[in-house]
Amino acid sequence: MELILWRHAEAEEGTPDAMRPLTEKGRRQAERMAHFISGRLPPNTRILVSPALRAQQTAAALSGHFITAPNIGIHATPQTAVATAGWPMAGGAVMLVGHQPWMGELAAFLMTGHADYWSIKKGAVWWFSRREREGDYQTVLRLVIAPDQL
């Protein structure tokens, strides 16, 4: 299974939090990352997106074919994100477009087995794979890239 985490791009300050749109810089970040990732995604990747406006706008830079998933909203947890994605047994590829701190906590858990606060930059993608080798399951970090690296 492939699990791709895409943190929303830079958003304006303000309230209500769920309605904050992307800034001009955030729109550029989302577009650059969408251009980079679009040719690399496996066919039939399921794209699950937080209902927050900034996450919706980030995902829309890549595709209009995504599912709004309230379970990965602003106050999600790594546990709800994993359950929503079906990691690690669902098969195929799933992209979650969401928020800190749960994304960083999930990345830490996938790499170390313990939730910890890891920072994921705005607009960045972290790509994980789950594979079996000689009867042992392994989590592989395939890619980490931020928009300023493109």
N, C-alpha and C. Protein backbone atom coordinates (compact mmCIF):
# COMPACT_ATOMS: atom_id res chain seq x y z
N MET A 1 0.85 -1.19 0.00
CA MET A 1 0.00 0.00 0.00
C MET A 1 0.88 1.24 0.00
N GLU A 2 0.40 2.26 -0.68
CA GLU A 2 1.07 3.55 -0.70
C GLU A 2 0.22 4.54 0.11
N LEU A 3 0.87 5.30 0.98
CA LEU A 3 0.20 6.34 1.75
C LEU A 3 0.95 7.65 1.54
N ILE A 4 0.27 8.62 0.95
CA ILE A 4 0.88 9.90 0.62
C ILE A 4 0.22 10.97 1.47
N LEU A 5 1.02 11.67 2.26
CA LEU A 5 0.53 12.77 3.09
C LEU A 5 0.89 14.08 2.40
N TRP A 6 -0.09 14.93 2.19
CA TRP A 6 0.14 16.24 1.58
C TRP A 6 -0.45 17.28 2.52
N ARG A 7 0.42 18.03 3.16
CA ARG A 7 -0.06 19.09 4.05
C ARG A 7 -0.55 20.26 3.19
N HIS A 8 -1.64 20.86 3.63
CA HIS A 8 -2.18 22.00 2.88
C HIS A 8 -1.11 23.08 2.73
N ALA A 9 -1.24 23.87 1.70
CA ALA A 9 -0.31 24.96 1.43
C ALA A 9 -0.61 26.14 2.35
N GLU A 10 0.20 27.19 2.23
CA GLU A 10 0.08 28.37 3.10
C GLU A 10 -1.31 29.00 2.98
N ALA A 11 -1.90 29.31 4.14
CA ALA A 11 -3.24 29.89 4.18
C ALA A 11 -3.22 31.23 4.91
N GLU A 12 -4.24 32.01 4.63
CA GLU A 12 -4.40 33.30 5.30
C GLU A 12 -4.71 33.07 6.78
N GLU A 13 -4.39 34.07 7.58
CA GLU A 13 -4.77 34.05 8.99
C GLU A 13 -6.24 34.41 9.10
N GLY A 14 -6.88 34.10 10.22
CA GLY A 14 -8.25 34.53 10.43
C GLY A 14 -9.12 33.47 11.04
N THR A 15 -10.38 33.84 11.18
CA THR A 15 -11.38 32.94 11.71
C THR A 15 -12.62 33.02 10.84
N PRO A 16 -13.41 32.01 10.79
CA PRO A 16 -13.19 30.72 11.44
C PRO A 16 -12.07 29.95 10.76
N ASP A 17 -11.38 29.15 11.55
CA ASP A 17 -10.21 28.44 11.08
C ASP A 17 -10.50 27.58 9.85
N ALA A 18 -11.63 26.91 9.84
CA ALA A 18 -11.96 26.01 8.74
C ALA A 18 -12.21 26.73 7.41
N MET A 19 -12.38 28.03 7.45
CA MET A 19 -12.70 28.79 6.23
C MET A 19 -11.53 29.62 5.72
N ARG A 20 -10.34 29.42 6.26
CA ARG A 20 -9.18 30.19 5.80
C ARG A 20 -8.74 29.74 4.42
N PRO A 21 -8.73 30.65 3.43
CA PRO A 21 -8.30 30.28 2.07
C PRO A 21 -6.78 30.33 1.94
N LEU A 22 -6.29 29.75 0.86
CA LEU A 22 -4.86 29.83 0.56
C LEU A 22 -4.48 31.26 0.23
N THR A 23 -3.26 31.62 0.58
CA THR A 23 -2.69 32.89 0.15
C THR A 23 -2.24 32.73 -1.30
N GLU A 24 -1.81 33.82 -1.91
CA GLU A 24 -1.26 33.73 -3.26
C GLU A 24 -0.05 32.80 -3.27
N LYS A 25 0.81 32.92 -2.25
CA LYS A 25 1.96 32.02 -2.14
C LYS A 25 1.48 30.58 -1.99
N GLY A 26 0.45 30.36 -1.20
CA GLY A 26 -0.10 29.02 -1.01
C GLY A 26 -0.64 28.43 -2.31
N ARG A 27 -1.29 29.25 -3.12
CA ARG A 27 -1.78 28.76 -4.41
C ARG A 27 -0.61 28.33 -5.30
N ARG A 28 0.46 29.11 -5.29
CA ARG A 28 1.65 28.74 -6.08
C ARG A 28 2.27 27.45 -5.54
N GLN A 29 2.35 27.32 -4.21
CA GLN A 29 2.89 26.10 -3.61
C GLN A 29 2.08 24.88 -4.05
N ALA A 30 0.75 24.99 -3.96
CA ALA A 30 -0.13 23.88 -4.33
C ALA A 30 0.02 23.53 -5.80
N GLU A 31 0.10 24.53 -6.65
CA GLU A 31 0.23 24.28 -8.09
C GLU A 31 1.56 23.62 -8.43
N ARG A 32 2.65 24.10 -7.81
CA ARG A 32 3.97 23.49 -8.06
C ARG A 32 3.99 22.03 -7.61
N MET A 33 3.45 21.78 -6.41
CA MET A 33 3.46 20.41 -5.91
C MET A 33 2.55 19.52 -6.75
N ALA A 34 1.39 20.03 -7.14
CA ALA A 34 0.47 19.25 -7.98
C ALA A 34 1.14 18.88 -9.30
N HIS A 35 1.83 19.83 -9.90
CA HIS A 35 2.54 19.57 -11.16
C HIS A 35 3.59 18.47 -10.95
N PHE A 36 4.33 18.55 -9.86
CA PHE A 36 5.38 17.58 -9.57
C PHE A 36 4.79 16.19 -9.32
N ILE A 37 3.76 16.11 -8.53
CA ILE A 37 3.25 14.81 -8.06
C ILE A 37 2.32 14.15 -9.07
N SER A 38 1.69 14.92 -9.94
CA SER A 38 0.64 14.35 -10.80
C SER A 38 1.11 13.19 -11.66
N GLY A 39 2.28 13.27 -12.22
CA GLY A 39 2.78 12.19 -13.06
C GLY A 39 3.38 11.04 -12.29
N ARG A 40 3.47 11.17 -10.98
CA ARG A 40 4.10 10.16 -10.16
C ARG A 40 3.10 9.31 -9.37
N LEU A 41 1.87 9.79 -9.26
CA LEU A 41 0.87 9.06 -8.49
C LEU A 41 0.49 7.76 -9.19
N PRO A 42 0.34 6.69 -8.42
CA PRO A 42 -0.14 5.45 -9.02
C PRO A 42 -1.55 5.64 -9.59
N PRO A 43 -1.90 4.88 -10.63
CA PRO A 43 -3.27 4.97 -11.16
C PRO A 43 -4.28 4.65 -10.06
N ASN A 44 -5.41 5.30 -10.13
CA ASN A 44 -6.51 5.07 -9.18
C ASN A 44 -6.18 5.43 -7.75
N THR A 45 -5.26 6.37 -7.53
CA THR A 45 -4.99 6.84 -6.17
C THR A 45 -6.25 7.50 -5.62
N ARG A 46 -6.67 7.06 -4.43
CA ARG A 46 -7.81 7.70 -3.76
C ARG A 46 -7.28 8.94 -3.05
N ILE A 47 -7.91 10.07 -3.27
CA ILE A 47 -7.51 11.34 -2.65
C ILE A 47 -8.58 11.72 -1.65
N LEU A 48 -8.20 11.70 -0.37
CA LEU A 48 -9.10 12.03 0.74
C LEU A 48 -8.65 13.35 1.33
N VAL A 49 -9.60 14.28 1.49
CA VAL A 49 -9.24 15.66 1.81
C VAL A 49 -10.03 16.16 3.01
N SER A 50 -9.35 16.87 3.89
CA SER A 50 -9.99 17.55 5.01
C SER A 50 -11.05 18.50 4.47
N PRO A 51 -12.13 18.71 5.23
CA PRO A 51 -13.15 19.66 4.78
C PRO A 51 -12.72 21.13 4.88
N ALA A 52 -11.60 21.42 5.54
CA ALA A 52 -11.15 22.81 5.66
C ALA A 52 -10.85 23.39 4.27
N LEU A 53 -11.24 24.64 4.07
CA LEU A 53 -11.10 25.29 2.76
C LEU A 53 -9.68 25.21 2.23
N ARG A 54 -8.68 25.47 3.06
CA ARG A 54 -7.29 25.48 2.59
C ARG A 54 -6.85 24.10 2.08
N ALA A 55 -7.33 23.03 2.70
CA ALA A 55 -7.02 21.69 2.22
C ALA A 55 -7.75 21.39 0.92
N GLN A 56 -9.00 21.81 0.83
CA GLN A 56 -9.78 21.62 -0.39
C GLN A 56 -9.13 22.34 -1.57
N GLN A 57 -8.67 23.57 -1.34
CA GLN A 57 -8.02 24.33 -2.40
C GLN A 57 -6.68 23.71 -2.79
N THR A 58 -5.95 23.18 -1.82
CA THR A 58 -4.68 22.51 -2.11
C THR A 58 -4.93 21.30 -3.01
N ALA A 59 -5.88 20.45 -2.62
CA ALA A 59 -6.18 19.25 -3.41
C ALA A 59 -6.71 19.60 -4.80
N ALA A 60 -7.49 20.66 -4.91
CA ALA A 60 -8.07 21.06 -6.19
C ALA A 60 -6.99 21.43 -7.21
N ALA A 61 -5.81 21.82 -6.74
CA ALA A 61 -4.71 22.11 -7.67
C ALA A 61 -4.26 20.85 -8.40
N LEU A 62 -4.48 19.70 -7.78
CA LEU A 62 -4.09 18.42 -8.36
C LEU A 62 -5.23 17.79 -9.16
N SER A 63 -6.42 17.81 -8.57
CA SER A 63 -7.53 17.09 -9.19
C SER A 63 -8.86 17.56 -8.62
N GLY A 64 -9.88 17.51 -9.41
CA GLY A 64 -11.22 17.78 -8.93
C GLY A 64 -11.90 16.50 -8.44
N HIS A 65 -11.20 15.39 -8.58
CA HIS A 65 -11.75 14.09 -8.20
C HIS A 65 -11.17 13.67 -6.86
N PHE A 66 -11.73 14.21 -5.79
CA PHE A 66 -11.31 13.82 -4.45
C PHE A 66 -12.53 13.69 -3.57
N ILE A 67 -12.32 13.04 -2.44
CA ILE A 67 -13.39 12.80 -1.48
C ILE A 67 -13.13 13.64 -0.24
N THR A 68 -14.11 14.42 0.18
CA THR A 68 -14.00 15.15 1.43
C THR A 68 -14.19 14.16 2.57
N ALA A 69 -13.22 14.13 3.47
CA ALA A 69 -13.21 13.16 4.57
C ALA A 69 -13.16 13.90 5.91
N PRO A 70 -14.31 14.11 6.55
CA PRO A 70 -14.33 14.84 7.82
C PRO A 70 -13.41 14.24 8.90
N ASN A 71 -13.12 12.93 8.81
CA ASN A 71 -12.26 12.29 9.81
C ASN A 71 -10.81 12.75 9.76
N ILE A 72 -10.42 13.46 8.71
CA ILE A 72 -9.04 13.97 8.64
C ILE A 72 -9.03 15.49 8.66
N GLY A 73 -9.99 16.07 9.35
CA GLY A 73 -10.08 17.52 9.47
C GLY A 73 -9.03 18.09 10.40
N ILE A 74 -9.23 19.33 10.76
CA ILE A 74 -8.28 20.10 11.55
C ILE A 74 -7.90 19.42 12.86
N HIS A 75 -8.85 18.79 13.52
CA HIS A 75 -8.61 18.20 14.84
C HIS A 75 -8.49 16.69 14.80
N ALA A 76 -8.12 16.14 13.65
CA ALA A 76 -7.96 14.69 13.51
C ALA A 76 -6.81 14.20 14.36
N THR A 77 -6.72 12.90 14.48
CA THR A 77 -5.62 12.25 15.17
C THR A 77 -4.93 11.30 14.20
N PRO A 78 -3.72 10.89 14.51
CA PRO A 78 -3.08 9.89 13.65
C PRO A 78 -3.92 8.61 13.53
N GLN A 79 -4.59 8.24 14.61
CA GLN A 79 -5.40 7.02 14.60
C GLN A 79 -6.58 7.15 13.63
N THR A 80 -7.26 8.30 13.64
CA THR A 80 -8.39 8.45 12.72
C THR A 80 -7.90 8.54 11.27
N ALA A 81 -6.74 9.14 11.07
CA ALA A 81 -6.19 9.25 9.72
C ALA A 81 -5.83 7.87 9.17
N VAL A 82 -5.20 7.04 9.99
CA VAL A 82 -4.83 5.68 9.57
C VAL A 82 -6.08 4.87 9.26
N ALA A 83 -7.09 4.98 10.12
CA ALA A 83 -8.33 4.24 9.90
C ALA A 83 -9.03 4.72 8.62
N THR A 84 -9.04 6.02 8.38
CA THR A 84 -9.68 6.57 7.19
C THR A 84 -8.97 6.10 5.92
N ALA A 85 -7.65 6.05 5.97
CA ALA A 85 -6.87 5.60 4.80
C ALA A 85 -6.91 4.09 4.61
N GLY A 86 -7.17 3.36 5.70
CA GLY A 86 -7.12 1.90 5.63
C GLY A 86 -5.71 1.34 5.70
N TRP A 87 -4.79 2.16 6.17
CA TRP A 87 -3.38 1.74 6.29
C TRP A 87 -3.25 0.67 7.35
N PRO A 88 -2.49 -0.36 7.11
CA PRO A 88 -1.65 -0.63 5.93
C PRO A 88 -2.25 -1.66 4.98
N MET A 89 -3.46 -2.13 5.23
CA MET A 89 -3.96 -3.30 4.52
C MET A 89 -4.92 -3.00 3.37
N ALA A 90 -5.30 -1.76 3.16
CA ALA A 90 -6.31 -1.46 2.14
C ALA A 90 -5.83 -1.73 0.72
N GLY A 91 -4.53 -1.68 0.51
CA GLY A 91 -4.01 -1.87 -0.82
C GLY A 91 -4.14 -0.60 -1.64
N GLY A 92 -3.51 -0.58 -2.78
CA GLY A 92 -3.56 0.58 -3.64
C GLY A 92 -2.82 1.76 -3.05
N ALA A 93 -3.25 2.95 -3.46
CA ALA A 93 -2.61 4.18 -3.00
C ALA A 93 -3.68 5.14 -2.49
N VAL A 94 -3.36 5.79 -1.37
CA VAL A 94 -4.25 6.78 -0.77
C VAL A 94 -3.43 8.03 -0.48
N MET A 95 -3.96 9.17 -0.89
CA MET A 95 -3.37 10.46 -0.53
C MET A 95 -4.30 11.13 0.48
N LEU A 96 -3.73 11.59 1.59
CA LEU A 96 -4.46 12.36 2.59
C LEU A 96 -3.98 13.80 2.51
N VAL A 97 -4.90 14.72 2.31
CA VAL A 97 -4.57 16.15 2.27
C VAL A 97 -5.12 16.75 3.55
N GLY A 98 -4.23 17.21 4.43
CA GLY A 98 -4.68 17.66 5.74
C GLY A 98 -3.74 18.60 6.44
N HIS A 99 -3.59 18.38 7.75
CA HIS A 99 -3.07 19.41 8.66
C HIS A 99 -2.03 18.88 9.65
N GLN A 100 -1.30 19.82 10.19
CA GLN A 100 -0.53 19.61 11.40
C GLN A 100 -1.49 19.82 12.56
N PRO A 101 -1.29 19.23 13.71
CA PRO A 101 -0.14 18.37 14.04
C PRO A 101 -0.31 16.90 13.70
N TRP A 102 -1.52 16.48 13.30
CA TRP A 102 -1.73 15.04 13.14
C TRP A 102 -0.87 14.44 12.03
N MET A 103 -0.56 15.22 10.99
CA MET A 103 0.26 14.66 9.92
C MET A 103 1.68 14.35 10.41
N GLY A 104 2.27 15.27 11.13
CA GLY A 104 3.61 15.03 11.67
C GLY A 104 3.62 13.88 12.67
N GLU A 105 2.58 13.81 13.49
CA GLU A 105 2.48 12.71 14.45
C GLU A 105 2.34 11.38 13.73
N LEU A 106 1.58 11.36 12.65
CA LEU A 106 1.41 10.13 11.87
C LEU A 106 2.72 9.74 11.19
N ALA A 107 3.42 10.71 10.63
CA ALA A 107 4.72 10.42 10.00
C ALA A 107 5.68 9.81 11.01
N ALA A 108 5.73 10.39 12.21
CA ALA A 108 6.60 9.86 13.27
C ALA A 108 6.21 8.43 13.62
N PHE A 109 4.91 8.18 13.75
CA PHE A 109 4.44 6.84 14.09
C PHE A 109 4.81 5.83 13.01
N LEU A 110 4.63 6.20 11.75
CA LEU A 110 4.94 5.28 10.66
C LEU A 110 6.43 4.93 10.62
N MET A 111 7.27 5.90 10.96
CA MET A 111 8.72 5.68 10.89
C MET A 111 9.31 5.04 12.14
N THR A 112 8.71 5.31 13.30
CA THR A 112 9.34 4.87 14.55
C THR A 112 8.47 3.95 15.40
N GLY A 113 7.18 3.90 15.10
CA GLY A 113 6.27 3.13 15.94
C GLY A 113 5.74 3.90 17.12
N HIS A 114 6.13 5.19 17.24
CA HIS A 114 5.69 6.04 18.35
C HIS A 114 5.26 7.39 17.79
N ALA A 115 4.08 7.86 18.21
CA ALA A 115 3.64 9.20 17.80
C ALA A 115 4.53 10.23 18.49
N ASP A 116 4.97 11.19 17.74
CA ASP A 116 5.80 12.28 18.25
C ASP A 116 5.48 13.49 17.39
N TYR A 117 5.89 14.68 17.84
CA TYR A 117 5.59 15.87 17.06
C TYR A 117 6.72 16.09 16.05
N TRP A 118 6.44 15.77 14.80
CA TRP A 118 7.34 16.07 13.70
C TRP A 118 6.69 17.16 12.87
N SER A 119 7.48 18.09 12.42
CA SER A 119 6.96 19.20 11.63
C SER A 119 6.97 18.84 10.15
N ILE A 120 5.83 19.02 9.51
CA ILE A 120 5.73 18.88 8.06
C ILE A 120 5.45 20.27 7.52
N LYS A 121 6.30 20.73 6.62
CA LYS A 121 6.16 22.07 6.08
C LYS A 121 4.88 22.22 5.28
N LYS A 122 4.38 23.43 5.23
CA LYS A 122 3.17 23.72 4.46
C LYS A 122 3.40 23.39 2.99
N GLY A 123 2.46 22.63 2.43
CA GLY A 123 2.55 22.25 1.03
C GLY A 123 3.42 21.05 0.74
N ALA A 124 4.06 20.47 1.77
CA ALA A 124 4.99 19.35 1.56
C ALA A 124 4.27 18.02 1.41
N VAL A 125 4.95 17.09 0.76
CA VAL A 125 4.46 15.73 0.57
C VAL A 125 5.44 14.76 1.23
N TRP A 126 4.87 13.83 1.99
CA TRP A 126 5.61 12.70 2.56
C TRP A 126 4.94 11.44 2.01
N TRP A 127 5.71 10.56 1.40
CA TRP A 127 5.17 9.38 0.72
C TRP A 127 5.75 8.12 1.37
N PHE A 128 4.85 7.26 1.85
CA PHE A 128 5.22 6.01 2.51
C PHE A 128 4.70 4.82 1.72
N SER A 129 5.45 3.73 1.77
CA SER A 129 5.02 2.47 1.19
C SER A 129 5.08 1.39 2.26
N ARG A 130 4.20 0.43 2.13
CA ARG A 130 4.22 -0.74 3.01
C ARG A 130 4.53 -1.94 2.12
N ARG A 131 5.55 -2.71 2.48
CA ARG A 131 5.92 -3.85 1.67
C ARG A 131 6.22 -5.05 2.57
N GLU A 132 6.23 -6.21 1.95
CA GLU A 132 6.57 -7.44 2.66
C GLU A 132 7.85 -7.99 2.07
N ARG A 133 8.79 -8.28 2.94
CA ARG A 133 10.06 -8.89 2.53
C ARG A 133 10.34 -10.07 3.45
N GLU A 134 10.43 -11.24 2.87
CA GLU A 134 10.75 -12.47 3.61
C GLU A 134 9.85 -12.63 4.83
N GLY A 135 8.55 -12.37 4.64
CA GLY A 135 7.59 -12.55 5.71
C GLY A 135 7.53 -11.42 6.72
N ASP A 136 8.30 -10.38 6.51
CA ASP A 136 8.33 -9.25 7.44
C ASP A 136 7.77 -8.01 6.72
N TYR A 137 6.87 -7.31 7.41
CA TYR A 137 6.32 -6.07 6.85
C TYR A 137 7.22 -4.90 7.19
N GLN A 138 7.43 -4.04 6.21
CA GLN A 138 8.29 -2.88 6.38
C GLN A 138 7.59 -1.63 5.89
N THR A 139 7.82 -0.52 6.58
CA THR A 139 7.36 0.78 6.11
C THR A 139 8.56 1.49 5.51
N VAL A 140 8.38 1.98 4.30
CA VAL A 140 9.47 2.63 3.57
C VAL A 140 9.09 4.08 3.30
N LEU A 141 9.96 5.00 3.64
CA LEU A 141 9.77 6.40 3.30
C LEU A 141 10.34 6.59 1.90
N ARG A 142 9.45 6.85 0.95
CA ARG A 142 9.86 6.94 -0.46
C ARG A 142 10.24 8.34 -0.89
N LEU A 143 9.55 9.35 -0.29
CA LEU A 143 9.76 10.72 -0.76
C LEU A 143 9.36 11.70 0.32
N VAL A 144 10.17 12.73 0.50
CA VAL A 144 9.80 13.91 1.28
C VAL A 144 10.24 15.10 0.46
N ILE A 145 9.28 15.97 0.14
CA ILE A 145 9.63 17.15 -0.64
C ILE A 145 8.69 18.29 -0.29
N ALA A 146 9.29 19.47 -0.18
CA ALA A 146 8.54 20.69 0.12
C ALA A 146 8.48 21.55 -1.13
N PRO A 147 7.48 22.43 -1.21
CA PRO A 147 7.35 23.24 -2.42
C PRO A 147 8.57 24.09 -2.76
N ASP A 148 9.31 24.54 -1.75
CA ASP A 148 10.49 25.37 -2.02
C ASP A 148 11.65 24.56 -2.60
N GLN A 149 11.51 23.23 -2.66
CA GLN A 149 12.53 22.38 -3.26
C GLN A 149 12.25 22.11 -4.74
N LEU A 150 11.13 22.59 -5.20
CA LEU A 150 10.76 22.36 -6.61
C LEU A 150 11.19 23.51 -7.49
